[in-house]
Amino acid sequence: MAGVQGVEVGFLLDELGDGPAGQRALQPHLAEVFLSSAAADRLARMLAVPPVRLRWALPHLREAHLLSGEQARWEWPWQPPAHYLVPACGLCAAARGEGWGEVWLIWPQRWKICERHGRFTHVRQDGPGGVDLARLPEAVDAHRRRGRLERRYGLAGAALVADAFAVTGWWWRRAPLARRWTDRAGRGGVEPGNIETAWLLVYPEALRVARALLRYEQRRAAEPGGPWASAEAQLVAELSQLAEEIGLPPGRWQVPVAEWLARHHACAPATGDGEGSGRRRGRRPVTALVHHGDPGSVEQSCLPWDWSDPFTAV
């Protein structure tokens, strides 16, 4: 916002109100600045924009996010909330007009796909363009299939997708130059070893893993008392075939799969979760009881690593 106005961020904040002693501005992709109602009104006057219009354009200025009190003040917390600021698709921003320049979105994960224009954007990209997905139709298809899976199975489906990304991301960290992923990177015009765009490179395989995890949960649900050796054997066989297709080194791809099985095996499937829940007859119940609450994003897995953090060992 300060860049649009041609002023220093510190000067703009002083004009908006009082801030915490010693606090200074951060980069916009690290944390969001929050304003009180009075400070938001000042910003609207500076931009010559109706307050209602500004609150529509900037979700963090809506009622739920405003700082309390009548004083004009701001806060730029060192610890960001549980979301990221991701650049919006440049074509979407251009279609809106108004000369806003680059637009950032509050998003639960550090990347976003615009299905309308086929663009992948992430928090650390250079410039507003994003990655053009025209040459990566398999990634776009995986994104749509993920949406269908999560709509059908709800929170359990979202949890399994997050776990699948954690498994596939672990594989990528161990073999980022596997031919399938380097070929995909070449077609998409991204660096094969770029961890921010790796989500895009592994997306199709992550959806295959998610479907395999889903089938495992369904087989367990069909036999809530166990034993589940057959279900585990089928899961391992499916993922073994996928690992071979990708070209993963033998003997190591099983590590994240074994960790996932150990965590989910400790949770017994729920019983009686059938026709009374509104599911269609024939759709077996799915459980992911090791997960606590809403997974929120594909980055919140039950597995104990953040593969997309380059400083985290996997």
Protein backbone atom coordinates (compact mmCIF):
# COMPACT_ATOMS: atom_id res chain seq x y z
CA MET A 1 0.00 0.00 0.00
CA ALA A 2 2.83 2.40 0.86
CA GLY A 3 4.48 1.60 -2.47
CA VAL A 4 1.28 2.54 -4.33
CA GLN A 5 1.25 5.90 -2.53
CA GLY A 6 4.97 6.51 -3.08
CA VAL A 7 5.75 6.92 0.63
CA GLU A 8 7.83 5.11 3.21
CA VAL A 9 6.02 2.42 5.16
CA GLY A 10 7.02 3.98 8.49
CA PHE A 11 5.64 7.36 7.47
CA LEU A 12 2.35 5.80 6.35
CA LEU A 13 1.97 3.94 9.64
CA ASP A 14 2.60 7.16 11.60
CA GLU A 15 -0.17 8.82 9.60
CA LEU A 16 -2.58 5.97 10.37
CA GLY A 17 -2.15 6.04 14.15
CA ASP A 18 -0.06 4.77 17.06
CA GLY A 19 1.77 1.48 17.02
CA PRO A 20 3.40 -0.66 19.72
CA ALA A 21 6.65 0.78 21.07
CA GLY A 22 9.66 -0.48 19.15
CA GLN A 23 7.65 -2.34 16.51
CA ARG A 24 8.58 -1.81 12.89
CA ALA A 25 7.11 -2.88 9.57
CA LEU A 26 7.67 -6.36 8.17
CA GLN A 27 7.64 -7.59 4.61
CA PRO A 28 4.04 -8.15 3.41
CA HIS A 29 4.57 -11.87 2.74
CA LEU A 30 5.65 -12.46 6.35
CA ALA A 31 2.76 -10.96 8.33
CA GLU A 32 -0.26 -8.70 7.95
CA VAL A 33 -0.72 -5.26 9.50
CA PHE A 34 -3.91 -4.83 11.53
CA LEU A 35 -5.73 -1.54 12.09
CA SER A 36 -8.37 -0.20 14.42
CA SER A 37 -11.59 1.14 12.94
CA ALA A 38 -10.35 4.72 13.23
CA ALA A 39 -7.06 3.88 11.52
CA ALA A 40 -8.90 2.06 8.73
CA ASP A 41 -11.05 5.17 8.18
CA ARG A 42 -7.90 7.29 7.95
CA LEU A 43 -6.49 4.93 5.33
CA ALA A 44 -9.71 5.17 3.33
CA ARG A 45 -9.52 8.97 3.37
CA MET A 46 -5.88 8.91 2.27
CA LEU A 47 -6.80 6.71 -0.68
CA ALA A 48 -10.00 8.65 -1.45
CA VAL A 49 -11.88 5.35 -1.30
CA PRO A 50 -15.17 4.77 0.55
CA PRO A 51 -14.50 2.77 3.76
CA VAL A 52 -16.93 0.06 2.63
CA ARG A 53 -15.03 -0.35 -0.63
CA LEU A 54 -11.70 -0.57 1.19
CA ARG A 55 -13.00 -3.22 3.57
CA TRP A 56 -14.27 -5.21 0.59
CA ALA A 57 -10.84 -5.04 -1.08
CA LEU A 58 -8.84 -5.77 2.10
CA PRO A 59 -10.40 -8.61 4.13
CA HIS A 60 -8.15 -7.94 7.15
CA LEU A 61 -9.97 -4.60 7.61
CA ARG A 62 -13.33 -6.28 8.12
CA GLU A 63 -14.99 -6.26 11.51
CA ALA A 64 -13.63 -9.58 12.77
CA HIS A 65 -10.02 -8.46 12.27
CA LEU A 66 -10.15 -4.86 13.50
CA LEU A 67 -8.24 -3.91 16.63
CA SER A 68 -10.40 -3.01 19.61
CA GLY A 69 -10.91 0.51 20.94
CA GLU A 70 -11.68 3.91 19.43
CA GLN A 71 -8.06 5.08 19.16
CA ALA A 72 -6.42 5.17 15.73
CA ARG A 73 -3.73 2.51 16.05
CA TRP A 74 -2.01 -0.31 14.20
CA GLU A 75 -0.19 -3.54 14.99
CA TRP A 76 2.17 -5.55 12.81
CA PRO A 77 2.69 -8.72 14.84
CA TRP A 78 6.03 -10.50 14.72
CA GLN A 79 4.24 -13.83 14.85
CA PRO A 80 1.89 -13.99 11.85
CA PRO A 81 -1.56 -15.53 12.21
CA ALA A 82 -2.29 -18.98 10.81
CA HIS A 83 -2.39 -17.80 7.22
CA TYR A 84 -0.15 -16.45 4.49
CA LEU A 85 -0.26 -13.48 2.17
CA VAL A 86 -0.14 -14.95 -1.33
CA PRO A 87 -0.01 -12.88 -4.53
CA ALA A 88 -3.28 -13.01 -6.40
CA CYS A 89 -3.38 -14.14 -10.01
CA GLY A 90 -2.17 -11.17 -12.05
CA LEU A 91 -4.92 -11.66 -14.64
CA CYS A 92 -7.60 -11.60 -11.92
CA ALA A 93 -6.12 -8.41 -10.50
CA ALA A 94 -5.99 -6.79 -13.94
CA ALA A 95 -9.62 -7.71 -14.61
CA ARG A 96 -10.63 -5.86 -11.44
CA GLY A 97 -9.06 -2.66 -12.74
CA GLU A 98 -8.94 0.27 -10.31
CA GLY A 99 -5.14 0.55 -10.69
CA TRP A 100 -4.43 -1.28 -7.43
CA GLY A 101 -1.23 -2.83 -8.74
CA GLU A 102 -0.14 -6.12 -7.17
CA VAL A 103 -2.85 -7.72 -5.02
CA TRP A 104 -2.21 -10.06 -2.08
CA LEU A 105 -4.69 -12.60 -0.70
CA ILE A 106 -5.07 -13.96 2.82
CA TRP A 107 -4.71 -17.68 2.21
CA PRO A 108 -4.37 -20.78 4.47
CA GLN A 109 -1.31 -22.05 2.60
CA ARG A 110 1.71 -20.46 0.97
CA TRP A 111 0.56 -21.06 -2.60
CA LYS A 112 -2.62 -20.80 -4.66
CA ILE A 113 -3.92 -22.00 -8.03
CA CYS A 114 -6.29 -19.83 -10.05
CA GLU A 115 -8.40 -22.26 -12.05
CA ARG A 116 -9.94 -19.51 -14.15
CA HIS A 117 -6.65 -18.34 -15.63
CA GLY A 118 -4.40 -21.32 -14.93
CA ARG A 119 -1.88 -19.53 -12.71
CA PHE A 120 0.14 -20.80 -9.73
CA THR A 121 1.28 -18.12 -7.28
CA HIS A 122 3.34 -18.44 -4.11
CA VAL A 123 4.63 -16.24 -1.32
CA ARG A 124 8.20 -15.84 -2.55
CA GLN A 125 7.71 -15.44 -6.26
CA ASP A 126 9.39 -12.65 -8.20
CA GLY A 127 6.77 -10.37 -9.69
CA PRO A 128 3.00 -10.76 -9.94
CA GLY A 129 2.76 -13.13 -12.90
CA GLY A 130 2.98 -16.55 -11.27
CA VAL A 131 3.51 -19.83 -13.11
CA ASP A 132 1.47 -20.39 -16.27
CA LEU A 133 -0.07 -23.86 -16.00
CA ALA A 134 -0.97 -24.19 -19.69
CA ARG A 135 1.86 -26.72 -20.11
CA LEU A 136 1.08 -28.59 -16.89
CA PRO A 137 -2.47 -29.87 -17.42
CA GLU A 138 -1.84 -32.82 -15.10
CA ALA A 139 -1.31 -30.43 -12.19
CA VAL A 140 -4.52 -28.54 -12.98
CA ASP A 141 -6.40 -31.83 -13.22
CA ALA A 142 -4.97 -32.96 -9.86
CA HIS A 143 -6.11 -29.70 -8.27
CA ARG A 144 -9.67 -30.22 -9.52
CA ARG A 145 -9.71 -33.85 -8.39
CA ARG A 146 -8.52 -32.76 -4.98
CA GLY A 147 -11.48 -30.39 -4.75
CA ARG A 148 -13.91 -33.19 -5.62
CA LEU A 149 -12.34 -35.52 -3.06
CA GLU A 150 -12.51 -32.93 -0.28
CA ARG A 151 -16.10 -31.99 -1.11
CA ARG A 152 -17.14 -35.64 -0.96
CA TYR A 153 -15.28 -36.68 2.18
CA GLY A 154 -15.09 -33.40 4.08
CA LEU A 155 -12.48 -32.95 6.80
CA ALA A 156 -11.32 -36.56 6.56
CA GLY A 157 -10.63 -36.08 2.85
CA ALA A 158 -8.73 -32.83 3.51
CA ALA A 159 -6.66 -34.56 6.20
CA LEU A 160 -5.72 -37.37 3.83
CA VAL A 161 -4.71 -34.88 1.13
CA ALA A 162 -2.47 -33.09 3.64
CA ASP A 163 -0.90 -36.41 4.60
CA ALA A 164 -0.42 -37.32 0.95
CA PHE A 165 1.47 -34.08 0.30
CA ALA A 166 3.64 -34.77 3.35
CA VAL A 167 4.50 -38.24 2.03
CA THR A 168 5.09 -37.09 -1.55
CA GLY A 169 7.00 -34.01 -0.40
CA TRP A 170 9.30 -36.24 1.66
CA TRP A 171 9.98 -38.21 -1.50
CA TRP A 172 10.69 -35.02 -3.42
CA ARG A 173 13.14 -33.79 -0.79
CA ARG A 174 15.03 -37.08 -1.11
CA ALA A 175 14.92 -37.18 -4.92
CA PRO A 176 14.17 -33.71 -6.33
CA LEU A 177 15.86 -34.60 -9.61
CA ALA A 178 13.71 -37.63 -10.36
CA ARG A 179 13.03 -37.57 -14.08
CA ARG A 180 9.25 -37.20 -13.77
CA TRP A 181 9.57 -34.06 -11.67
CA THR A 182 12.44 -32.50 -13.62
CA ASP A 183 10.54 -33.05 -16.87
CA ARG A 184 7.50 -31.36 -15.33
CA ALA A 185 9.65 -28.47 -14.08
CA GLY A 186 11.07 -28.00 -17.55
CA ARG A 187 7.63 -27.83 -19.14
CA GLY A 188 6.41 -25.42 -16.47
CA GLY A 189 9.45 -23.16 -16.68
CA VAL A 190 10.39 -23.51 -12.99
CA GLU A 191 13.60 -24.56 -11.27
CA PRO A 192 13.60 -28.31 -10.46
CA GLY A 193 14.96 -27.71 -6.96
CA ASN A 194 12.76 -24.74 -6.01
CA ILE A 195 10.96 -25.79 -2.85
CA GLU A 196 8.21 -23.16 -3.28
CA THR A 197 7.09 -24.55 -6.63
CA ALA A 198 7.66 -28.19 -5.66
CA TRP A 199 4.01 -28.35 -4.54
CA LEU A 200 3.09 -27.91 -8.17
CA LEU A 201 5.56 -30.54 -9.37
CA VAL A 202 4.36 -33.28 -7.01
CA TYR A 203 0.63 -32.46 -7.18
CA PRO A 204 -0.40 -35.35 -9.49
CA GLU A 205 1.50 -37.92 -7.44
CA ALA A 206 0.16 -36.44 -4.18
CA LEU A 207 -3.40 -37.03 -5.42
CA ARG A 208 -2.55 -40.63 -6.28
CA VAL A 209 -1.16 -41.08 -2.78
CA ALA A 210 -4.27 -39.45 -1.28
CA ARG A 211 -6.50 -41.88 -3.17
CA ALA A 212 -4.39 -44.81 -1.94
CA LEU A 213 -4.62 -43.58 1.67
CA LEU A 214 -8.37 -43.17 1.21
CA ARG A 215 -8.75 -46.74 -0.01
CA TYR A 216 -6.75 -47.94 3.01
CA GLU A 217 -9.08 -46.08 5.39
CA GLN A 218 -12.11 -47.48 3.59
CA ARG A 219 -10.80 -51.05 3.85
CA ARG A 220 -10.19 -50.56 7.56
CA ALA A 221 -13.65 -49.11 8.04
CA ALA A 222 -15.11 -52.23 6.44
CA GLU A 223 -13.40 -54.28 9.18
CA PRO A 224 -13.38 -52.00 12.24
CA GLY A 225 -12.14 -54.78 14.50
CA GLY A 226 -9.21 -55.67 12.27
CA PRO A 227 -6.94 -57.30 11.39
CA TRP A 228 -5.75 -54.82 8.77
CA ALA A 229 -2.71 -56.63 7.37
CA SER A 230 -4.42 -57.02 4.00
CA ALA A 231 -5.29 -53.31 3.82
CA GLU A 232 -1.70 -52.36 4.67
CA ALA A 233 -0.30 -54.78 2.11
CA GLN A 234 -2.49 -53.31 -0.63
CA LEU A 235 -1.48 -49.76 0.32
CA VAL A 236 2.22 -50.63 0.25
CA ALA A 237 1.80 -52.38 -3.10
CA GLU A 238 0.07 -49.34 -4.64
CA LEU A 239 2.69 -46.90 -3.37
CA SER A 240 5.54 -49.22 -4.32
CA GLN A 241 4.32 -49.13 -7.92
CA LEU A 242 4.07 -45.33 -7.83
CA ALA A 243 7.56 -45.01 -6.34
CA GLU A 244 8.94 -47.19 -9.13
CA GLU A 245 7.18 -45.07 -11.77
CA ILE A 246 8.66 -41.88 -10.32
CA GLY A 247 12.10 -43.46 -10.15
CA LEU A 248 12.62 -43.13 -6.41
CA PRO A 249 15.66 -44.87 -4.89
CA PRO A 250 14.65 -48.30 -3.55
CA GLY A 251 14.66 -48.89 0.16
CA ARG A 252 13.84 -45.34 1.34
CA TRP A 253 10.46 -44.40 -0.07
CA GLN A 254 8.80 -46.61 2.56
CA VAL A 255 9.94 -44.39 5.47
CA PRO A 256 7.10 -41.80 5.38
CA VAL A 257 4.58 -44.52 4.51
CA ALA A 258 5.58 -46.55 7.56
CA GLU A 259 5.32 -43.45 9.75
CA TRP A 260 1.83 -42.71 8.43
CA LEU A 261 0.69 -46.30 8.96
CA ALA A 262 2.01 -46.31 12.53
CA ARG A 263 0.05 -43.16 13.39
CA HIS A 264 -3.20 -44.21 11.72
CA HIS A 265 -3.05 -47.82 12.83
CA ALA A 266 -3.21 -46.61 16.43
CA CYS A 267 -6.70 -45.21 15.76
CA ALA A 268 -9.59 -47.62 15.43
CA PRO A 269 -12.10 -46.76 12.67
CA ALA A 270 -15.44 -45.34 13.78
CA THR A 271 -18.46 -47.62 13.55
CA GLY A 272 -22.05 -46.82 12.68
CA ASP A 273 -21.03 -43.99 10.37
CA GLY A 274 -23.29 -44.81 7.46
CA GLU A 275 -26.70 -43.97 6.17
CA GLY A 276 -27.58 -41.78 9.15
CA SER A 277 -24.86 -39.24 8.31
CA GLY A 278 -26.35 -38.22 4.98
CA ARG A 279 -23.81 -40.06 2.88
CA ARG A 280 -25.05 -41.92 -0.13
CA ARG A 281 -25.66 -45.63 0.39
CA GLY A 282 -22.59 -47.60 -0.55
CA ARG A 283 -20.09 -44.90 0.44
CA ARG A 284 -18.05 -46.37 3.25
CA PRO A 285 -17.13 -44.24 6.26
CA VAL A 286 -13.68 -42.71 6.29
CA THR A 287 -11.79 -41.83 9.44
CA ALA A 288 -8.61 -39.97 10.16
CA LEU A 289 -8.91 -39.84 13.93
CA VAL A 290 -5.23 -39.16 14.48
CA HIS A 291 -5.92 -35.66 13.15
CA HIS A 292 -7.26 -33.12 15.61
CA GLY A 293 -9.79 -30.63 14.29
CA ASP A 294 -9.90 -29.03 10.87
CA PRO A 295 -6.62 -29.57 8.97
CA GLY A 296 -7.05 -26.05 7.58
CA SER A 297 -4.59 -26.45 4.70
CA VAL A 298 -2.51 -29.00 2.87
CA GLU A 299 0.42 -28.02 5.09
CA GLN A 300 -1.18 -29.39 8.29
CA SER A 301 -0.46 -33.11 8.26
CA CYS A 302 -0.32 -35.60 11.13
CA LEU A 303 3.22 -36.45 10.01
CA PRO A 304 5.98 -34.86 12.11
CA TRP A 305 7.85 -32.87 9.46
CA ASP A 306 7.40 -29.82 7.28
CA TRP A 307 8.92 -30.94 4.03
CA SER A 308 8.40 -27.52 2.43
CA ASP A 309 10.70 -25.84 4.98
CA PRO A 310 14.22 -26.04 3.53
CA PHE A 311 15.68 -25.82 7.04
CA THR A 312 13.76 -28.86 8.31
CA ALA A 313 15.45 -32.23 7.95
CA VAL A 314 13.32 -35.04 6.50
